[in-house]
PDB file of N, CA and C in Angstrom:
ATOM      1  N   MET A   1       0.872  -1.253   0.006  1.00  0.00           N
ATOM      2  CA  MET A   1      -0.138  -0.125   0.029  1.00  0.00           C
ATOM      3  C   MET A   1       0.961   1.150  -0.071  1.00  0.00           C
ATOM      4  N   GLN A   2       0.685   2.282  -0.928  1.00  0.00           N
ATOM      5  CA  GLN A   2       1.419   3.196  -0.969  1.00  0.00           C
ATOM      6  C   GLN A   2       0.822   4.432  -0.032  1.00  0.00           C
ATOM      7  N   GLU A   3       1.888   5.146   0.591  1.00  0.00           N
ATOM      8  CA  GLU A   3       1.492   6.208   1.422  1.00  0.00           C
ATOM      9  C   GLU A   3       1.046   7.470   0.734  1.00  0.00           C
ATOM     10  N   ASN A   4       0.123   8.177   1.105  1.00  0.00           N
ATOM     11  CA  ASN A   4      -0.276   9.392   0.505  1.00  0.00           C
ATOM     12  C   ASN A   4       0.725  10.461   0.979  1.00  0.00           C
ATOM     13  N   PRO A   5       1.410  11.146  -0.082  1.00  0.00           N
ATOM     14  CA  PRO A   5       2.364  12.161   0.239  1.00  0.00           C
ATOM     15  C   PRO A   5       1.749  13.359   0.873  1.00  0.00           C
ATOM     16  N   PHE A   6       0.432  13.568   0.513  1.00  0.00           N
ATOM     17  CA  PHE A   6      -0.090  14.928   1.092  1.00  0.00           C
ATOM     18  C   PHE A   6      -0.381  14.540   2.732  1.00  0.00           C
ATOM     19  N   ARG A   7      -0.815  13.498   3.066  1.00  0.00           N
ATOM     20  CA  ARG A   7      -1.013  13.126   4.278  1.00  0.00           C
ATOM     21  C   ARG A   7       0.115  13.299   5.210  1.00  0.00           C
ATOM     22  N   LYS A   8       1.246  12.781   4.690  1.00  0.00           N
ATOM     23  CA  LYS A   8       2.601  12.781   5.434  1.00  0.00           C
ATOM     24  C   LYS A   8       3.042  14.105   5.687  1.00  0.00           C
ATOM     25  N   ASN A   9       2.758  15.048   4.639  1.00  0.00           N
ATOM     26  CA  ASN A   9       3.246  16.510   4.778  1.00  0.00           C
ATOM     27  C   ASN A   9       2.394  17.227   5.649  1.00  0.00           C
ATOM     28  N   VAL A  10       1.118  16.926   5.731  1.00  0.00           N
ATOM     29  CA  VAL A  10       0.174  17.749   6.590  1.00  0.00           C
ATOM     30  C   VAL A  10       0.136  17.197   7.880  1.00  0.00           C
ATOM     31  N   PHE A  11       0.129  15.969   8.036  1.00  0.00           N
ATOM     32  CA  PHE A  11      -0.201  15.493   9.443  1.00  0.00           C
ATOM     33  C   PHE A  11       1.115  14.966  10.199  1.00  0.00           C
ATOM     34  N   SER A  12       2.333  15.143   9.667  1.00  0.00           N
ATOM     35  CA  SER A  12       3.428  14.814  10.276  1.00  0.00           C
ATOM     36  C   SER A  12       3.865  15.458  11.290  1.00  0.00           C
ATOM     37  N   GLN A  13       4.592  15.032  12.394  1.00  0.00           N
ATOM     38  CA  GLN A  13       4.802  15.954  13.532  1.00  0.00           C
ATOM     39  C   GLN A  13       5.788  17.146  13.039  1.00  0.00           C
ATOM     40  N   GLY A  14       5.593  18.177  13.687  1.00  0.00           N
ATOM     41  CA  GLY A  14       6.360  19.288  13.509  1.00  0.00           C
ATOM     42  C   GLY A  14       6.141  20.036  12.263  1.00  0.00           C
ATOM     43  N   GLN A  15       5.358  19.528  11.477  1.00  0.00           N
ATOM     44  CA  GLN A  15       4.910  20.198  10.212  1.00  0.00           C
ATOM     45  C   GLN A  15       4.333  21.613  10.414  1.00  0.00           C
ATOM     46  N   THR A  16       4.764  22.747   9.928  1.00  0.00           N
ATOM     47  CA  THR A  16       4.247  24.023  10.142  1.00  0.00           C
ATOM     48  C   THR A  16       3.354  24.411   8.814  1.00  0.00           C
ATOM     49  N   LEU A  17       2.212  24.552   8.913  1.00  0.00           N
ATOM     50  CA  LEU A  17       1.251  25.141   7.809  1.00  0.00           C
ATOM     51  C   LEU A  17       1.272  26.564   7.771  1.00  0.00           C
ATOM     52  N   PHE A  18       1.467  27.151   8.874  1.00  0.00           N
ATOM     53  CA  PHE A  18       1.255  28.668   8.873  1.00  0.00           C
ATOM     54  C   PHE A  18       2.147  29.133  10.217  1.00  0.00           C
ATOM     55  N   THR A  19       2.530  30.364  10.132  1.00  0.00           N
ATOM     56  CA  THR A  19       3.184  30.864  11.309  1.00  0.00           C
ATOM     57  C   THR A  19       2.211  31.292  12.431  1.00  0.00           C
ATOM     58  N   GLN A  20       2.718  31.398  13.768  1.00  0.00           N
ATOM     59  CA  GLN A  20       2.026  31.750  14.813  1.00  0.00           C
ATOM     60  C   GLN A  20       1.269  33.171  14.529  1.00  0.00           C
ATOM     61  N   GLN A  21       2.139  33.971  13.937  1.00  0.00           N
ATOM     62  CA  GLN A  21       1.530  35.376  13.632  1.00  0.00           C
ATOM     63  C   GLN A  21       0.392  35.307  12.587  1.00  0.00           C
ATOM     64  N   GLU A  22       0.577  34.453  11.517  1.00  0.00           N
ATOM     65  CA  GLU A  22      -0.490  34.411  10.583  1.00  0.00           C
ATOM     66  C   GLU A  22      -1.748  33.844  11.243  1.00  0.00           C
ATOM     67  N   PHE A  23      -1.505  32.863  12.121  1.00  0.00           N
ATOM     68  CA  PHE A  23      -2.694  32.239  12.952  1.00  0.00           C
ATOM     69  C   PHE A  23      -3.390  33.202  13.834  1.00  0.00           C
ATOM     70  N   ASN A  24      -2.589  33.981  14.572  1.00  0.00           N
ATOM     71  CA  ASN A  24      -3.112  35.048  15.441  1.00  0.00           C
ATOM     72  C   ASN A  24      -4.029  36.130  14.735  1.00  0.00           C
ATOM     73  N   GLU A  25      -3.355  36.618  13.396  1.00  0.00           N
ATOM     74  CA  GLU A  25      -4.099  37.617  12.716  1.00  0.00           C
ATOM     75  C   GLU A  25      -5.464  37.002  12.139  1.00  0.00           C
ATOM     76  N   ALA A  26      -5.375  35.690  11.671  1.00  0.00           N
ATOM     77  CA  ALA A  26      -6.592  35.137  11.169  1.00  0.00           C
ATOM     78  C   ALA A  26      -7.589  34.915  12.263  1.00  0.00           C
ATOM     79  N   LEU A  27      -7.067  34.456  13.487  1.00  0.00           N
ATOM     80  CA  LEU A  27      -8.151  34.382  14.509  1.00  0.00           C
ATOM     81  C   LEU A  27      -8.613  35.694  15.112  1.00  0.00           C
ATOM     82  N   GLU A  28      -7.906  36.788  15.087  1.00  0.00           N
ATOM     83  CA  GLU A  28      -8.443  38.010  15.366  1.00  0.00           C
ATOM     84  C   GLU A  28      -9.483  38.497  14.350  1.00  0.00           C
ATOM     85  N   ASP A  29      -9.286  38.322  13.179  1.00  0.00           N
ATOM     86  CA  ASP A  29     -10.265  38.544  11.971  1.00  0.00           C
ATOM     87  C   ASP A  29     -11.504  37.788  12.282  1.00  0.00           C
ATOM     88  N   VAL A  30     -11.456  36.564  12.434  1.00  0.00           N
ATOM     89  CA  VAL A  30     -12.615  35.669  12.866  1.00  0.00           C
ATOM     90  C   VAL A  30     -13.406  36.212  14.034  1.00  0.00           C
ATOM     91  N   LYS A  31     -12.620  36.532  15.123  1.00  0.00           N
ATOM     92  CA  LYS A  31     -13.365  37.105  16.416  1.00  0.00           C
ATOM     93  C   LYS A  31     -14.048  38.441  16.068  1.00  0.00           C
ATOM     94  N   LYS A  32     -13.531  39.243  15.235  1.00  0.00           N
ATOM     95  CA  LYS A  32     -14.104  40.546  14.868  1.00  0.00           C
ATOM     96  C   LYS A  32     -15.444  40.107  14.081  1.00  0.00           C
ATOM     97  N   GLU A  33     -15.441  39.230  13.129  1.00  0.00           N
ATOM     98  CA  GLU A  33     -16.628  38.895  12.436  1.00  0.00           C
ATOM     99  C   GLU A  33     -17.800  38.257  13.261  1.00  0.00           C
ATOM    100  N   ILE A  34     -17.341  37.386  14.264  1.00  0.00           N
ATOM    101  CA  ILE A  34     -18.214  36.811  15.079  1.00  0.00           C
ATOM    102  C   ILE A  34     -18.921  38.038  16.047  1.00  0.00           C
ATOM    103  N   MET A  35     -18.163  38.798  16.491  1.00  0.00           N
ATOM    104  CA  MET A  35     -18.733  39.873  17.356  1.00  0.00           C
ATOM    105  C   MET A  35     -19.517  40.829  16.525  1.00  0.00           C
ATOM    106  N   ALA A  36     -19.270  41.058  15.194  1.00  0.00           N
ATOM    107  CA  ALA A  36     -20.160  41.951  14.457  1.00  0.00           C
ATOM    108  C   ALA A  36     -21.461  41.210  14.265  1.00  0.00           C
ATOM    109  N   TYR A  37     -21.490  39.869  13.961  1.00  0.00           N
ATOM    110  CA  TYR A  37     -22.733  39.066  13.893  1.00  0.00           C
ATOM    111  C   TYR A  37     -23.577  39.050  15.196  1.00  0.00           C
ATOM    112  N   ALA A  38     -22.855  38.843  16.253  1.00  0.00           N
ATOM    113  CA  ALA A  38     -23.493  38.850  17.410  1.00  0.00           C
ATOM    114  C   ALA A  38     -24.131  40.181  17.765  1.00  0.00           C
ATOM    115  N   MET A  39     -23.475  41.230  17.504  1.00  0.00           N
ATOM    116  CA  MET A  39     -23.999  42.533  17.846  1.00  0.00           C
ATOM    117  C   MET A  39     -25.294  42.861  16.992  1.00  0.00           C
ATOM    118  N   GLN A  40     -25.188  42.378  15.749  1.00  0.00           N
ATOM    119  CA  GLN A  40     -26.293  42.645  14.816  1.00  0.00           C
ATOM    120  C   GLN A  40     -27.530  41.718  15.230  1.00  0.00           C
ATOM    121  N   ALA A  41     -27.164  40.571  15.709  1.00  0.00           N
ATOM    122  CA  ALA A  41     -28.326  39.566  16.173  1.00  0.00           C
ATOM    123  C   ALA A  41     -28.899  40.223  17.468  1.00  0.00           C
ATOM    124  N   THR A  42     -28.099  40.685  18.264  1.00  0.00           N
ATOM    125  CA  THR A  42     -28.621  41.351  19.458  1.00  0.00           C
ATOM    126  C   THR A  42     -29.552  42.467  19.126  1.00  0.00           C
ATOM    127  N   MET A  43     -29.073  43.350  18.206  1.00  0.00           N
ATOM    128  CA  MET A  43     -29.882  44.500  17.974  1.00  0.00           C
ATOM    129  C   MET A  43     -31.220  44.187  17.309  1.00  0.00           C
ATOM    130  N   MET A  44     -31.180  43.039  16.374  1.00  0.00           N
ATOM    131  CA  MET A  44     -32.349  42.733  15.927  1.00  0.00           C
ATOM    132  C   MET A  44     -33.293  42.149  16.873  1.00  0.00           C
ATOM    133  N   ALA A  45     -32.815  41.359  17.851  1.00  0.00           N
ATOM    134  CA  ALA A  45     -33.664  40.750  18.954  1.00  0.00           C
ATOM    135  C   ALA A  45     -34.243  41.871  19.711  1.00  0.00           C
ATOM    136  N   ILE A  46     -33.391  42.829  20.044  1.00  0.00           N
ATOM    137  CA  ILE A  46     -34.021  44.045  20.820  1.00  0.00           C
ATOM    138  C   ILE A  46     -35.260  44.734  20.030  1.00  0.00           C
ATOM    139  N   MET A  47     -34.971  44.880  18.735  1.00  0.00           N
ATOM    140  CA  MET A  47     -35.877  45.623  17.954  1.00  0.00           C
ATOM    141  C   MET A  47     -37.147  44.820  17.943  1.00  0.00           C
ATOM    142  N   LEU A  48     -37.027  43.261  17.644  1.00  0.00           N
ATOM    143  CA  LEU A  48     -38.254  42.548  17.555  1.00  0.00           C
ATOM    144  C   LEU A  48     -38.954  42.576  18.999  1.00  0.00           C
ATOM    145  N   GLU A  49     -38.356  42.636  20.099  1.00  0.00           N
ATOM    146  CA  GLU A  49     -38.868  42.629  21.382  1.00  0.00           C
ATOM    147  C   GLU A  49     -39.697  44.080  21.509  1.00  0.00           C
ATOM    148  N   ARG A  50     -39.084  45.016  21.156  1.00  0.00           N
ATOM    149  CA  ARG A  50     -39.581  46.437  21.310  1.00  0.00           C
ATOM    150  C   ARG A  50     -40.836  46.440  20.422  1.00  0.00           C
ATOM    151  N   GLU A  51     -40.798  46.034  19.286  1.00  0.00           N
ATOM    152  CA  GLU A  51     -42.101  45.892  18.300  1.00  0.00           C
ATOM    153  C   GLU A  51     -43.094  45.194  18.935  1.00  0.00           C
ATOM    154  N   ALA A  52     -42.845  44.080  19.631  1.00  0.00           N
ATOM    155  CA  ALA A  52     -43.999  43.216  20.131  1.00  0.00           C
ATOM    156  C   ALA A  52     -44.486  43.903  21.463  1.00  0.00           C
ATOM    157  N   CYS A  53     -43.595  44.695  22.234  1.00  0.00           N
ATOM    158  CA  CYS A  53     -44.133  45.600  23.310  1.00  0.00           C
ATOM    159  C   CYS A  53     -45.163  46.612  22.636  1.00  0.00           C
ATOM    160  N   ALA A  54     -44.669  47.348  21.646  1.00  0.00           N
ATOM    161  CA  ALA A  54     -45.458  48.441  21.022  1.00  0.00           C
ATOM    162  C   ALA A  54     -46.734  47.871  20.540  1.00  0.00           C
ATOM    163  N   LYS A  55     -46.869  46.649  19.906  1.00  0.00           N
ATOM    164  CA  LYS A  55     -47.998  46.139  19.477  1.00  0.00           C
ATOM    165  C   LYS A  55     -48.981  45.910  20.623  1.00  0.00           C
ATOM    166  N   MET A  56     -48.399  45.268  21.723  1.00  0.00           N
ATOM    167  CA  MET A  56     -49.314  45.060  22.800  1.00  0.00           C
ATOM    168  C   MET A  56     -49.853  46.507  23.445  1.00  0.00           C
ATOM    169  N   ALA A  57     -48.978  47.582  23.364  1.00  0.00           N
ATOM    170  CA  ALA A  57     -49.524  48.716  23.905  1.00  0.00           C
ATOM    171  C   ALA A  57     -50.500  49.280  22.882  1.00  0.00           C
ATOM    172  N   ASP A  58     -50.358  49.087  21.626  1.00  0.00           N
ATOM    173  CA  ASP A  58     -51.347  49.484  20.508  1.00  0.00           C
ATOM    174  C   ASP A  58     -52.736  48.879  20.954  1.00  0.00           C
ATOM    175  N   GLU A  59     -52.676  47.609  21.126  1.00  0.00           N
ATOM    176  CA  GLU A  59     -53.858  46.788  21.360  1.00  0.00           C
ATOM    177  C   GLU A  59     -54.448  47.342  22.678  1.00  0.00           C
ATOM    178  N   TRP A  60     -53.756  47.637  23.760  1.00  0.00           N
ATOM    179  CA  TRP A  60     -54.293  48.107  25.036  1.00  0.00           C
ATOM    180  C   TRP A  60     -54.984  49.436  24.781  1.00  0.00           C
ATOM    181  N   SER A  61     -54.238  50.343  23.827  1.00  0.00           N
ATOM    182  CA  SER A  61     -54.828  51.647  23.707  1.00  0.00           C
ATOM    183  C   SER A  61     -56.194  51.717  22.878  1.00  0.00           C
ATOM    184  N   GLU A  62     -56.319  50.605  22.192  1.00  0.00           N
ATOM    185  CA  GLU A  62     -57.574  50.576  21.421  1.00  0.00           C
ATOM    186  C   GLU A  62     -58.800  50.404  22.458  1.00  0.00           C
ATOM    187  N   TYR A  63     -58.559  49.918  23.551  1.00  0.00           N
ATOM    188  CA  TYR A  63     -59.700  49.520  24.453  1.00  0.00           C
ATOM    189  C   TYR A  63     -59.330  50.632  25.633  1.00  0.00           C
ATOM    190  N   ASN A  64     -58.556  51.531  25.538  1.00  0.00           N
ATOM    191  CA  ASN A  64     -58.192  52.657  26.586  1.00  0.00           C
ATOM    192  C   ASN A  64     -57.976  52.001  27.901  1.00  0.00           C
ATOM    193  N   VAL A  65     -57.062  50.893  27.862  1.00  0.00           N
ATOM    194  CA  VAL A  65     -56.682  50.280  29.122  1.00  0.00           C
ATOM    195  C   VAL A  65     -55.485  50.939  29.627  1.00  0.00           C
ATOM    196  N   LEU A  66     -55.457  51.233  30.950  1.00  0.00           N
ATOM    197  CA  LEU A  66     -54.490  51.916  31.658  1.00  0.00           C
ATOM    198  C   LEU A  66     -53.975  53.258  30.985  1.00  0.00           C
ATOM    199  N   GLY A  67     -54.784  53.929  30.135  1.00  0.00           N
ATOM    200  CA  GLY A  67     -54.265  55.244  29.441  1.00  0.00           C
ATOM    201  C   GLY A  67     -52.889  55.092  28.830  1.00  0.00           C
ATOM    202  N   VAL A  68     -52.771  54.270  27.901  1.00  0.00           N
ATOM    203  CA  VAL A  68     -51.510  53.991  27.261  1.00  0.00           C
ATOM    204  C   VAL A  68     -51.326  54.697  25.803  1.00  0.00           C
ATOM    205  N   GLN A  69     -52.315  55.676  25.577  1.00  0.00           N
ATOM    206  CA  GLN A  69     -52.196  56.413  24.235  1.00  0.00           C
ATOM    207  C   GLN A  69     -50.789  56.867  24.020  1.00  0.00           C
ATOM    208  N   GLY A  70     -50.165  56.838  22.873  1.00  0.00           N
ATOM    209  CA  GLY A  70     -48.820  57.104  22.614  1.00  0.00           C
ATOM    210  C   GLY A  70     -47.761  56.266  23.252  1.00  0.00           C
ATOM    211  N   LEU A  71     -48.042  55.399  23.990  1.00  0.00           N
ATOM    212  CA  LEU A  71     -46.862  54.492  24.494  1.00  0.00           C
ATOM    213  C   LEU A  71     -46.375  53.728  23.445  1.00  0.00           C
ATOM    214  N   ALA A  72     -47.080  53.160  22.515  1.00  0.00           N
ATOM    215  CA  ALA A  72     -46.426  52.217  21.403  1.00  0.00           C
ATOM    216  C   ALA A  72     -45.364  53.048  20.696  1.00  0.00           C
ATOM    217  N   GLU A  73     -45.693  54.347  20.296  1.00  0.00           N
ATOM    218  CA  GLU A  73     -44.733  55.046  19.536  1.00  0.00           C
ATOM    219  C   GLU A  73     -43.523  55.267  20.423  1.00  0.00           C
ATOM    220  N   ALA A  74     -43.667  55.640  21.703  1.00  0.00           N
ATOM    221  CA  ALA A  74     -42.663  55.905  22.681  1.00  0.00           C
ATOM    222  C   ALA A  74     -41.690  54.718  22.672  1.00  0.00           C
ATOM    223  N   ILE A  75     -42.190  53.556  22.703  1.00  0.00           N
ATOM    224  CA  ILE A  75     -41.545  52.234  22.730  1.00  0.00           C
ATOM    225  C   ILE A  75     -40.802  52.185  21.596  1.00  0.00           C
ATOM    226  N   ARG A  76     -41.427  52.271  20.329  1.00  0.00           N
ATOM    227  CA  ARG A  76     -40.817  52.227  19.051  1.00  0.00           C
ATOM    228  C   ARG A  76     -39.553  53.063  18.960  1.00  0.00           C
ATOM    229  N   ASN A  77     -39.754  54.260  19.344  1.00  0.00           N
ATOM    230  CA  ASN A  77     -38.800  55.285  19.080  1.00  0.00           C
ATOM    231  C   ASN A  77     -37.895  55.593  20.201  1.00  0.00           C
ATOM    232  N   ARG A  78     -37.836  54.558  21.015  1.00  0.00           N
ATOM    233  CA  ARG A  78     -36.921  55.021  22.337  1.00  0.00           C
ATOM    234  C   ARG A  78     -35.502  55.160  21.953  1.00  0.00           C
ATOM    235  N   ILE A  79     -34.909  54.605  21.005  1.00  0.00           N
ATOM    236  CA  ILE A  79     -33.673  54.859  20.571  1.00  0.00           C
ATOM    237  C   ILE A  79     -33.868  54.817  18.928  1.00  0.00           C
ATOM    238  N   PRO A  80     -34.098  55.983  18.415  1.00  0.00           N
ATOM    239  CA  PRO A  80     -34.579  56.119  16.937  1.00  0.00           C
ATOM    240  C   PRO A  80     -33.463  55.629  16.019  1.00  0.00           C
ATOM    241  N   GLU A  81     -32.159  55.847  16.220  1.00  0.00           N
ATOM    242  CA  GLU A  81     -31.157  55.510  15.303  1.00  0.00           C
ATOM    243  C   GLU A  81     -31.057  53.942  15.217  1.00  0.00           C
ATOM    244  N   GLN A  82     -31.757  53.274  16.102  1.00  0.00           N
ATOM    245  CA  GLN A  82     -31.624  51.741  16.027  1.00  0.00           C
ATOM    246  C   GLN A  82     -32.862  51.343  14.934  1.00  0.00           C
ATOM    247  N   ARG A  83     -33.700  52.080  14.808  1.00  0.00           N
ATOM    248  CA  ARG A  83     -34.824  51.575  13.779  1.00  0.00           C
ATOM    249  C   ARG A  83     -34.251  51.508  12.464  1.00  0.00           C
ATOM    250  N   GLN A  84     -34.702  50.319  11.770  1.00  0.00           N
ATOM    251  CA  GLN A  84     -34.290  50.098  10.516  1.00  0.00           C
ATOM    252  C   GLN A  84     -35.403  50.448   9.398  1.00  0.00           C
TER     253      GLN A  84
END
């Protein structure tokens, strides 16, 4: 049985595929990308929750429950720059 030369080169002891510096730079890039996605997902979750609260306030205001007129817009516009 003939040994695969690729396997020997890649998986042999002491074989360096990239430098520590290259690894650290790539890892840092990936961490930044993950954090960007996490922040975007968190902001979207907050907006969805805020919209759900505003809808509930709208429903309550239709029945004049607890005097919540205008509450829905206040909830939606709490942080206007986050609205999409």
